[in-house]
């Protein structure tokens, strides 16, 4: 076969053909996916952990029965859960160790140290705030804040409810429910009692909490759960609660879920969205049938309240990716390509 000399036209055609066959590696920008959503199964429970017979329940029997039931919830905030002081008080037992004895949550708060009468600002206090949390999601440092005032000691003949025997207040910890989804979770135990001073101090307490939220959680998503000790179907508690919600931008769970006759119970959850995290409540259920003994007696003098929350957050941007594709702007002829001869 006779060999042909490559012409300039032929060489150019070969080069173009080669360039078209080549692929170029391009780096694309960050990729996004649709908004992310998730749910949080939360529980608030006053476990009535005062020593018997001071407790309104039978914690020596009931607390070990409560423990495994908590595993069904991803986030648990409890009230009246105390540890034994050091040195212990003779003849007095507390039940925190029993409460956590069968839980599987990887993240547990460290109970506050009992003052045992050594706090000069409240020498009547024998126990700390009783506020603890169990979580399947990691959380940061727990900040604890005591209510400024209290009324009522061991002698309840004055109508008080023994609030000055403890360091009641609220706690908060920033909790990571997913990558980029951090929510400030508050746990509280409100002033009890029905005297005029109790009512005054409760009102002051919720002003204190609202002011704290304004500074600590400005613009952030929030979940608040606990024993509010507010009968919101009665005055002045109704106004105190409405004022607190308005000041903080919180929404009571029962505003978005039909709670029926349970809407005004003193154990509550409230929430708000913040930043680019949207929060809402999906369910509200007092677990009365679950948290009871075989003889039908409840495991506490409070009912455990379970609420399912749903969060929505923007998609996470992925790392830049590489892909191969034909050059979009048409082939270019590499300088190294030279005309060749074909046989």
Protein backbone atom coordinates (compact mmCIF):
# COMPACT_ATOMS: atom_id res chain seq x y z
CA UNK A 1 0.00 0.00 0.00
CA UNK A 2 1.35 3.43 -0.97
CA UNK A 3 2.06 5.76 1.94
CA UNK A 4 0.43 9.15 1.89
CA UNK A 5 1.98 12.37 3.09
CA UNK A 6 -0.02 14.08 5.77
CA UNK A 7 -1.33 17.40 4.64
CA UNK A 8 -1.79 20.42 6.89
CA UNK A 9 -5.54 19.92 6.68
CA UNK A 10 -5.19 16.30 7.59
CA UNK A 11 -2.94 17.06 10.49
CA UNK A 12 -5.36 19.61 11.88
CA UNK A 13 -8.22 17.17 11.55
CA UNK A 14 -6.23 14.55 13.43
CA UNK A 15 -5.41 16.97 16.19
CA UNK A 16 -9.04 18.04 16.55
CA UNK A 17 -10.15 14.43 16.61
CA UNK A 18 -7.63 13.66 19.31
CA UNK A 19 -8.68 16.66 21.39
CA UNK A 20 -12.34 15.70 21.18
CA UNK A 21 -11.44 12.22 22.35
CA UNK A 22 -9.59 13.63 25.33
CA UNK A 23 -11.59 14.36 28.44
CA UNK A 24 -10.89 17.12 30.86
CA UNK A 25 -11.05 16.84 34.63
CA UNK A 26 -13.13 19.62 36.15
CA UNK A 27 -13.71 20.60 39.74
CA UNK A 28 -17.29 21.43 40.53
CA UNK A 29 -18.39 23.70 43.33
CA UNK A 30 -19.91 22.60 46.61
CA UNK A 31 -22.91 20.36 46.12
CA UNK A 32 -26.09 20.73 48.18
CA UNK A 33 -28.94 18.41 49.00
CA UNK A 34 -32.49 19.14 50.22
CA UNK A 35 -33.09 20.41 53.76
CA UNK A 36 -32.41 17.91 56.51
CA UNK A 37 -35.02 16.89 59.07
CA UNK A 38 -34.95 14.83 62.21
CA UNK A 39 -36.98 14.05 65.31
CA UNK A 40 -36.23 14.13 69.04
CA UNK A 41 -38.15 11.97 71.49
CA UNK A 42 -38.04 13.96 74.73
CA UNK A 43 -39.26 13.30 78.25
CA UNK A 44 -39.60 15.51 81.31
CA UNK A 45 -40.22 13.77 84.62
CA UNK A 46 -40.27 14.87 88.24
CA UNK A 47 -39.13 11.60 89.82
CA UNK A 48 -40.04 12.55 93.42
CA UNK A 49 -36.58 11.71 94.71
CA UNK A 50 -36.83 13.21 98.17
CA UNK A 51 -36.00 10.75 100.96
CA UNK A 52 -38.88 8.77 102.32
CA UNK A 53 -41.14 9.75 104.01
CA UNK A 54 -40.62 13.33 102.74
CA UNK A 55 -41.25 12.30 99.14
CA UNK A 56 -44.72 12.38 97.70
CA UNK A 57 -43.99 8.92 96.33
CA UNK A 58 -42.06 5.78 97.31
CA UNK A 59 -38.68 6.36 95.64
CA UNK A 60 -36.90 3.53 97.46
CA UNK A 61 -39.16 1.15 95.57
CA UNK A 62 -39.99 3.11 92.45
CA UNK A 63 -36.71 4.64 91.25
CA UNK A 64 -35.17 1.35 90.09
CA UNK A 65 -38.40 0.68 88.17
CA UNK A 66 -38.22 4.10 86.49
CA UNK A 67 -34.64 3.60 85.32
CA UNK A 68 -35.09 1.17 82.37
CA UNK A 69 -38.19 2.99 81.14
CA UNK A 70 -36.11 6.08 80.41
CA UNK A 71 -34.27 4.25 77.62
CA UNK A 72 -37.21 4.71 75.26
CA UNK A 73 -36.47 8.44 75.02
CA UNK A 74 -33.54 10.17 73.36
CA UNK A 75 -33.55 13.22 75.63
CA UNK A 76 -34.65 13.08 79.28
CA UNK A 77 -34.75 15.95 81.77
CA UNK A 78 -35.58 15.05 85.36
CA UNK A 79 -36.36 17.01 88.49
CA UNK A 80 -36.01 16.03 92.17
CA UNK A 81 -33.09 13.73 91.37
CA UNK A 82 -30.41 14.13 94.03
CA UNK A 83 -27.20 12.43 95.08
CA UNK A 84 -26.15 11.62 98.63
CA UNK A 85 -24.09 14.38 100.26
CA UNK A 86 -20.56 13.78 101.44
CA UNK A 87 -20.49 12.95 104.25
CA UNK A 88 -23.91 11.31 104.07
CA UNK A 89 -26.73 12.32 106.35
CA UNK A 90 -27.39 9.41 108.75
CA UNK A 91 -30.65 7.67 107.96
CA UNK A 92 -31.25 9.73 104.79
CA UNK A 93 -30.93 8.24 101.32
CA UNK A 94 -31.19 9.80 97.87
CA UNK A 95 -31.75 7.85 94.68
CA UNK A 96 -29.72 9.22 91.73
CA UNK A 97 -27.63 6.05 91.52
CA UNK A 98 -30.81 3.99 91.31
CA UNK A 99 -32.20 6.26 88.60
CA UNK A 100 -29.23 5.79 86.26
CA UNK A 101 -28.55 2.16 87.19
CA UNK A 102 -30.19 0.71 84.05
CA UNK A 103 -30.05 3.52 81.52
CA UNK A 104 -28.19 3.18 78.23
CA UNK A 105 -27.82 6.87 77.36
CA UNK A 106 -24.16 7.68 76.63
CA UNK A 107 -24.38 11.27 77.88
CA UNK A 108 -25.34 11.99 81.51
CA UNK A 109 -25.09 15.21 83.47
CA UNK A 110 -23.03 15.32 86.64
CA UNK A 111 -25.36 16.09 89.56
CA UNK A 112 -24.76 19.33 91.43
CA UNK A 113 -22.97 18.96 94.75
CA UNK A 114 -25.36 19.00 97.73
CA UNK A 115 -24.76 22.05 99.94
CA UNK A 116 -25.81 20.18 103.09
CA UNK A 117 -26.35 23.44 104.92
CA UNK A 118 -22.99 24.96 103.95
CA UNK A 119 -24.21 27.58 101.44
CA UNK A 120 -24.02 30.91 103.31
CA UNK A 121 -26.56 32.50 100.97
CA UNK A 122 -29.09 29.78 101.76
CA UNK A 123 -28.05 27.88 104.91
CA UNK A 124 -31.39 26.07 105.03
CA UNK A 125 -30.61 24.21 101.79
CA UNK A 126 -29.64 20.59 102.30
CA UNK A 127 -29.85 19.48 98.66
CA UNK A 128 -28.90 21.02 95.32
CA UNK A 129 -31.21 21.76 92.38
CA UNK A 130 -32.17 18.13 91.59
CA UNK A 131 -31.95 18.85 87.86
CA UNK A 132 -30.29 16.23 85.67
CA UNK A 133 -30.37 15.11 82.04
CA UNK A 134 -29.78 11.93 80.07
CA UNK A 135 -29.18 12.10 76.34
CA UNK A 136 -28.32 10.08 73.26
CA UNK A 137 -26.90 13.29 71.82
CA UNK A 138 -23.75 15.01 73.10
CA UNK A 139 -24.10 18.19 75.09
CA UNK A 140 -21.67 20.78 76.40
CA UNK A 141 -21.18 22.17 79.87
CA UNK A 142 -24.29 22.35 82.04
CA UNK A 143 -24.91 25.84 83.40
CA UNK A 144 -26.99 25.93 86.59
CA UNK A 145 -28.77 29.03 87.89
CA UNK A 146 -30.58 29.20 91.22
CA UNK A 147 -33.78 31.15 91.74
CA UNK A 148 -33.01 34.32 93.67
CA UNK A 149 -35.59 33.83 96.43
CA UNK A 150 -37.53 31.03 98.06
CA UNK A 151 -40.20 30.53 100.68
CA UNK A 152 -40.79 27.60 103.00
CA UNK A 153 -38.62 25.38 105.16
CA UNK A 154 -39.04 22.04 106.88
CA UNK A 155 -41.97 23.37 108.92
CA UNK A 156 -44.76 23.77 106.37
CA UNK A 157 -47.26 25.18 108.85
CA UNK A 158 -46.67 28.59 107.26
CA UNK A 159 -48.14 27.32 103.99
CA UNK A 160 -44.79 26.99 102.25
CA UNK A 161 -43.73 23.93 100.28
CA UNK A 162 -40.18 23.52 101.58
CA UNK A 163 -38.55 25.31 98.64
CA UNK A 164 -35.76 26.75 100.79
CA UNK A 165 -34.50 23.24 101.58
CA UNK A 166 -33.02 23.04 98.08
CA UNK A 167 -31.28 25.18 95.46
CA UNK A 168 -34.07 25.01 92.93
CA UNK A 169 -33.69 26.87 89.65
CA UNK A 170 -32.89 25.98 86.06
CA UNK A 171 -30.07 24.49 84.01
CA UNK A 172 -29.09 24.68 80.34
CA UNK A 173 -26.75 22.81 78.02
CA UNK A 174 -26.14 23.23 74.30
CA UNK A 175 -26.99 19.90 72.68
CA UNK A 176 -25.88 18.69 69.23
CA UNK A 177 -28.68 16.70 67.59
CA UNK A 178 -26.93 16.51 64.21
CA UNK A 179 -24.07 18.15 62.38
CA UNK A 180 -24.81 21.87 62.57
CA UNK A 181 -28.00 21.33 64.62
CA UNK A 182 -27.32 22.66 68.12
CA UNK A 183 -30.23 23.46 70.42
CA UNK A 184 -30.13 25.01 73.88
CA UNK A 185 -32.01 22.60 76.16
CA UNK A 186 -33.31 24.02 79.44
CA UNK A 187 -34.49 22.05 82.47
CA UNK A 188 -36.31 23.78 85.33
CA UNK A 189 -38.15 23.29 88.60
CA UNK A 190 -40.37 26.18 89.58
CA UNK A 191 -41.15 27.53 93.04
CA UNK A 192 -43.95 25.50 94.63
CA UNK A 193 -46.51 26.56 97.21
CA UNK A 194 -49.54 28.80 96.98
CA UNK A 195 -48.87 31.60 99.44
CA UNK A 196 -48.60 35.21 98.32
CA UNK A 197 -44.81 35.03 98.61
CA UNK A 198 -44.70 31.86 96.51
CA UNK A 199 -46.70 33.61 93.80
CA UNK A 200 -44.46 36.67 93.94
CA UNK A 201 -41.28 34.59 93.73
CA UNK A 202 -42.62 32.46 90.86
CA UNK A 203 -43.30 35.58 88.84
CA UNK A 204 -39.80 36.89 89.59
CA UNK A 205 -38.28 33.53 88.69
CA UNK A 206 -39.73 33.52 85.19
CA UNK A 207 -38.54 37.08 84.63
CA UNK A 208 -35.06 35.91 85.68
CA UNK A 209 -35.22 32.97 83.26
CA UNK A 210 -36.48 35.14 80.41
CA UNK A 211 -33.64 37.61 80.97
CA UNK A 212 -31.11 34.79 81.02
CA UNK A 213 -32.46 33.35 77.76
CA UNK A 214 -32.26 36.79 76.14
CA UNK A 215 -28.54 36.87 76.80
CA UNK A 216 -27.39 33.26 76.74
CA UNK A 217 -29.58 31.97 73.91
CA UNK A 218 -30.11 35.08 71.79
CA UNK A 219 -31.29 34.02 68.35
CA UNK A 220 -30.84 30.33 69.10
CA UNK A 221 -33.31 27.41 68.95
CA UNK A 222 -34.50 26.34 72.40
CA UNK A 223 -36.31 23.49 74.14
CA UNK A 224 -37.50 24.13 77.72
CA UNK A 225 -38.87 21.27 79.78
CA UNK A 226 -39.58 20.68 83.43
CA UNK A 227 -41.86 21.04 86.40
CA UNK A 228 -43.01 24.63 85.91
CA UNK A 229 -45.29 24.62 88.98
CA UNK A 230 -47.63 26.90 87.03
CA UNK A 231 -51.33 26.11 86.91
CA UNK A 232 -51.93 27.90 83.66
CA UNK A 233 -55.71 27.57 83.85
CA UNK A 234 -55.64 29.81 86.94
CA UNK A 235 -54.48 33.32 87.78
CA UNK A 236 -51.92 34.64 88.42
CA UNK A 237 -50.06 31.65 86.91
CA UNK A 238 -51.70 32.05 83.51
CA UNK A 239 -50.46 35.62 83.15
CA UNK A 240 -47.00 34.71 84.44
CA UNK A 241 -46.68 31.96 81.82
CA UNK A 242 -48.07 34.03 78.95
CA UNK A 243 -45.68 36.86 79.83
CA UNK A 244 -42.76 34.45 79.91
CA UNK A 245 -43.65 32.98 76.50
CA UNK A 246 -44.03 36.42 74.96
CA UNK A 247 -40.72 37.64 76.37
CA UNK A 248 -38.76 34.65 75.07
CA UNK A 249 -40.56 33.88 71.82
CA UNK A 250 -41.28 30.36 73.07
CA UNK A 251 -44.33 28.33 72.06
CA UNK A 252 -46.05 25.96 74.45
CA UNK A 253 -46.31 22.48 72.96
CA UNK A 254 -50.07 22.52 73.45
CA UNK A 255 -50.38 25.50 71.11
CA UNK A 256 -49.46 23.27 68.17
CA UNK A 257 -50.62 19.86 69.46
CA UNK A 258 -54.09 19.08 70.79
CA UNK A 259 -53.38 18.26 74.44
CA UNK A 260 -57.01 17.98 75.52
CA UNK A 261 -57.51 18.06 79.27
CA UNK A 262 -53.73 17.90 79.83
CA UNK A 263 -52.99 21.34 78.38
CA UNK A 264 -52.66 23.04 81.76
CA UNK A 265 -50.65 20.47 83.70
CA UNK A 266 -47.65 21.88 85.56
CA UNK A 267 -45.18 19.60 83.74
CA UNK A 268 -44.55 21.21 80.37
CA UNK A 269 -42.42 21.59 77.28
CA UNK A 270 -42.00 24.80 75.29
CA UNK A 271 -39.79 25.51 72.30
CA UNK A 272 -38.76 28.01 69.66
CA UNK A 273 -36.90 28.04 66.36
CA UNK A 274 -33.71 30.02 65.96
CA UNK A 275 -31.09 30.85 63.39
CA UNK A 276 -31.59 28.50 60.47
CA UNK A 277 -33.05 25.71 62.65
CA UNK A 278 -36.82 25.26 62.58
CA UNK A 279 -38.43 23.45 65.52
CA UNK A 280 -41.95 22.20 66.05
CA UNK A 281 -43.76 19.70 68.27
CA UNK A 282 -45.46 16.65 66.79
CA UNK A 283 -46.84 14.82 69.85
CA UNK A 284 -47.69 15.43 73.51
CA UNK A 285 -48.44 12.47 75.77
CA UNK A 286 -48.43 11.86 79.52
CA UNK A 287 -47.12 8.32 79.90
CA UNK A 288 -49.38 7.39 82.79
CA UNK A 289 -49.87 3.74 81.85
CA UNK A 290 -46.18 3.18 81.25
CA UNK A 291 -44.76 4.70 84.42
CA UNK A 292 -46.71 2.66 86.93
CA UNK A 293 -46.08 -0.39 89.09
CA UNK A 294 -47.62 -3.80 88.65
CA UNK A 295 -50.13 -2.90 91.38
CA UNK A 296 -51.28 0.11 89.33
CA UNK A 297 -49.63 2.73 91.55
CA UNK A 298 -47.78 5.54 89.73
CA UNK A 299 -43.99 5.61 89.99
CA UNK A 300 -43.99 9.28 91.06
CA UNK A 301 -46.39 11.93 92.28
CA UNK A 302 -45.94 13.52 88.81
CA UNK A 303 -46.73 12.03 85.43
CA UNK A 304 -43.95 11.67 82.87
CA UNK A 305 -44.52 13.90 79.84
CA UNK A 306 -43.26 12.71 76.43
CA UNK A 307 -43.06 15.08 73.46
CA UNK A 308 -41.70 14.41 70.00
CA UNK A 309 -40.02 17.39 68.38
CA UNK A 310 -39.11 17.77 64.72
CA UNK A 311 -36.23 19.91 63.52
CA UNK A 312 -35.47 21.14 60.03
CA UNK A 313 -32.07 22.49 59.02
CA UNK A 314 -30.40 23.57 55.79
CA UNK A 315 -28.51 20.95 53.86
CA UNK A 316 -24.83 20.66 54.49
CA UNK A 317 -22.56 21.71 51.63
CA UNK A 318 -20.44 18.80 50.46
CA UNK A 319 -16.76 18.99 49.59
CA UNK A 320 -15.91 20.05 46.03
CA UNK A 321 -15.95 17.03 43.72
CA UNK A 322 -14.00 16.12 40.61
CA UNK A 323 -15.61 14.80 37.45
CA UNK A 324 -14.58 14.03 33.92
CA UNK A 325 -16.36 15.51 30.94
CA UNK A 326 -15.71 16.66 27.41
CA UNK A 327 -14.47 20.22 27.26
CA UNK A 328 -17.52 22.39 27.05
CA UNK A 329 -15.87 25.15 25.05
CA UNK A 330 -14.69 22.89 22.23
CA UNK A 331 -11.40 21.11 21.68
CA UNK A 332 -8.05 22.82 21.82
CA UNK A 333 -5.05 21.40 20.08
CA UNK A 334 -2.26 20.45 22.44
CA UNK A 335 1.07 21.94 21.40
CA UNK A 336 2.72 18.54 21.54
CA UNK A 337 0.44 17.04 18.88
CA UNK A 338 2.22 16.86 15.51
CA UNK A 339 1.01 15.63 12.10
CA UNK A 340 1.71 11.95 11.61
CA UNK A 341 1.63 9.47 8.75
CA UNK A 342 -0.78 6.58 8.49
CA UNK A 343 -0.17 3.38 6.66
